[in-house]
Amino acid sequence: MASSVDQAVGLGLVGFSLVLFVYYTLWVIVLPFVDSDHAIHGYFLPREYSVILPGVAALVLVLFVGTFIVVVMWKNRKTKKTQ
């Protein structure tokens, strides 16, 4: 079983993901159908960022995954040489 700290962290991550999903869904799907002079547009970034931000996030994710794979392979190569 997970400790209470692990459960709290997990709940926080799920809550953050839910808020991010709702915000992005409203931003991309609902906001184009709302008049551009409506006050709700003040709570959202310009529409250009709806493509740029996920693209940058995907690049950062690929960078971290690639770096992790390189580090693991590098460590495995060093341990095989010493044996």
Protein backbone atom coordinates (compact mmCIF):
# COMPACT_ATOMS: atom_id res chain seq x y z
CA MET A 1 0.00 0.00 0.00
CA ALA A 2 1.07 3.55 -0.68
CA SER A 3 1.79 5.84 2.23
CA SER A 4 -0.36 8.86 2.91
CA VAL A 5 2.31 11.14 1.43
CA ASP A 6 2.30 9.14 -1.81
CA GLN A 7 -1.48 9.28 -1.93
CA ALA A 8 -1.46 13.05 -1.35
CA VAL A 9 1.11 13.58 -4.10
CA GLY A 10 -0.89 11.35 -6.45
CA LEU A 11 -4.09 13.20 -5.65
CA GLY A 12 -2.33 16.51 -6.26
CA LEU A 13 -1.02 15.33 -9.63
CA VAL A 14 -4.45 14.05 -10.67
CA GLY A 15 -6.05 17.34 -9.58
CA PHE A 16 -3.46 19.38 -11.48
CA SER A 17 -3.96 17.25 -14.59
CA LEU A 18 -7.72 17.64 -14.35
CA VAL A 19 -7.49 21.43 -14.03
CA LEU A 20 -5.03 21.60 -16.95
CA PHE A 21 -7.27 19.39 -19.10
CA VAL A 22 -10.38 21.47 -18.39
CA TYR A 23 -8.52 24.74 -19.01
CA TYR A 24 -7.05 23.52 -22.32
CA THR A 25 -10.39 22.04 -23.45
CA LEU A 26 -12.21 25.30 -22.77
CA TRP A 27 -9.42 27.27 -24.42
CA VAL A 28 -9.29 25.24 -27.63
CA ILE A 29 -12.84 23.92 -28.10
CA VAL A 30 -15.23 26.35 -26.39
CA LEU A 31 -13.48 29.73 -26.66
CA PRO A 32 -13.59 30.03 -30.48
CA PHE A 33 -17.40 30.03 -30.27
CA VAL A 34 -17.50 32.89 -27.74
CA ASP A 35 -17.50 36.48 -28.97
CA SER A 36 -14.02 37.98 -29.01
CA ASP A 37 -15.10 40.98 -26.91
CA HIS A 38 -16.44 38.79 -24.08
CA ALA A 39 -14.72 39.13 -20.69
CA ILE A 40 -13.84 35.41 -20.52
CA HIS A 41 -11.12 35.92 -23.14
CA GLY A 42 -9.11 37.77 -20.50
CA TYR A 43 -8.52 34.51 -18.60
CA PHE A 44 -6.91 32.72 -21.54
CA LEU A 45 -3.73 33.20 -23.53
CA PRO A 46 -3.90 34.04 -27.25
CA ARG A 47 -4.84 31.11 -29.50
CA GLU A 48 -1.35 30.85 -31.03
CA TYR A 49 -0.10 29.49 -27.73
CA SER A 50 -2.58 26.60 -27.88
CA VAL A 51 -0.31 25.05 -30.50
CA ILE A 52 3.05 26.37 -29.35
CA LEU A 53 2.85 25.30 -25.68
CA PRO A 54 1.98 21.62 -26.31
CA GLY A 55 4.68 21.50 -28.99
CA VAL A 56 7.29 22.84 -26.59
CA ALA A 57 6.08 20.46 -23.87
CA ALA A 58 6.39 17.52 -26.29
CA LEU A 59 9.92 18.55 -27.24
CA VAL A 60 10.93 18.85 -23.59
CA LEU A 61 9.40 15.43 -22.85
CA VAL A 62 11.30 13.84 -25.75
CA LEU A 63 14.48 15.55 -24.56
CA PHE A 64 14.10 14.18 -21.01
CA VAL A 65 13.23 10.67 -22.21
CA GLY A 66 16.17 10.68 -24.61
CA THR A 67 18.52 11.95 -21.92
CA PHE A 68 17.31 9.26 -19.52
CA ILE A 69 17.87 6.53 -22.11
CA VAL A 70 21.36 7.81 -22.91
CA VAL A 71 22.31 7.96 -19.21
CA VAL A 72 21.02 4.43 -18.55
CA MET A 73 22.83 3.04 -21.61
CA TRP A 74 26.01 4.88 -20.62
CA LYS A 75 25.92 3.43 -17.10
CA ASN A 76 25.27 -0.09 -18.42
CA ARG A 77 28.20 0.22 -20.81
CA LYS A 78 30.55 1.24 -18.01
CA THR A 79 29.50 -1.66 -15.77
CA LYS A 80 29.99 -4.22 -18.55
CA LYS A 81 33.54 -2.96 -19.23
CA THR A 82 34.58 -3.38 -15.60
CA GLN A 83 33.30 -6.96 -15.33
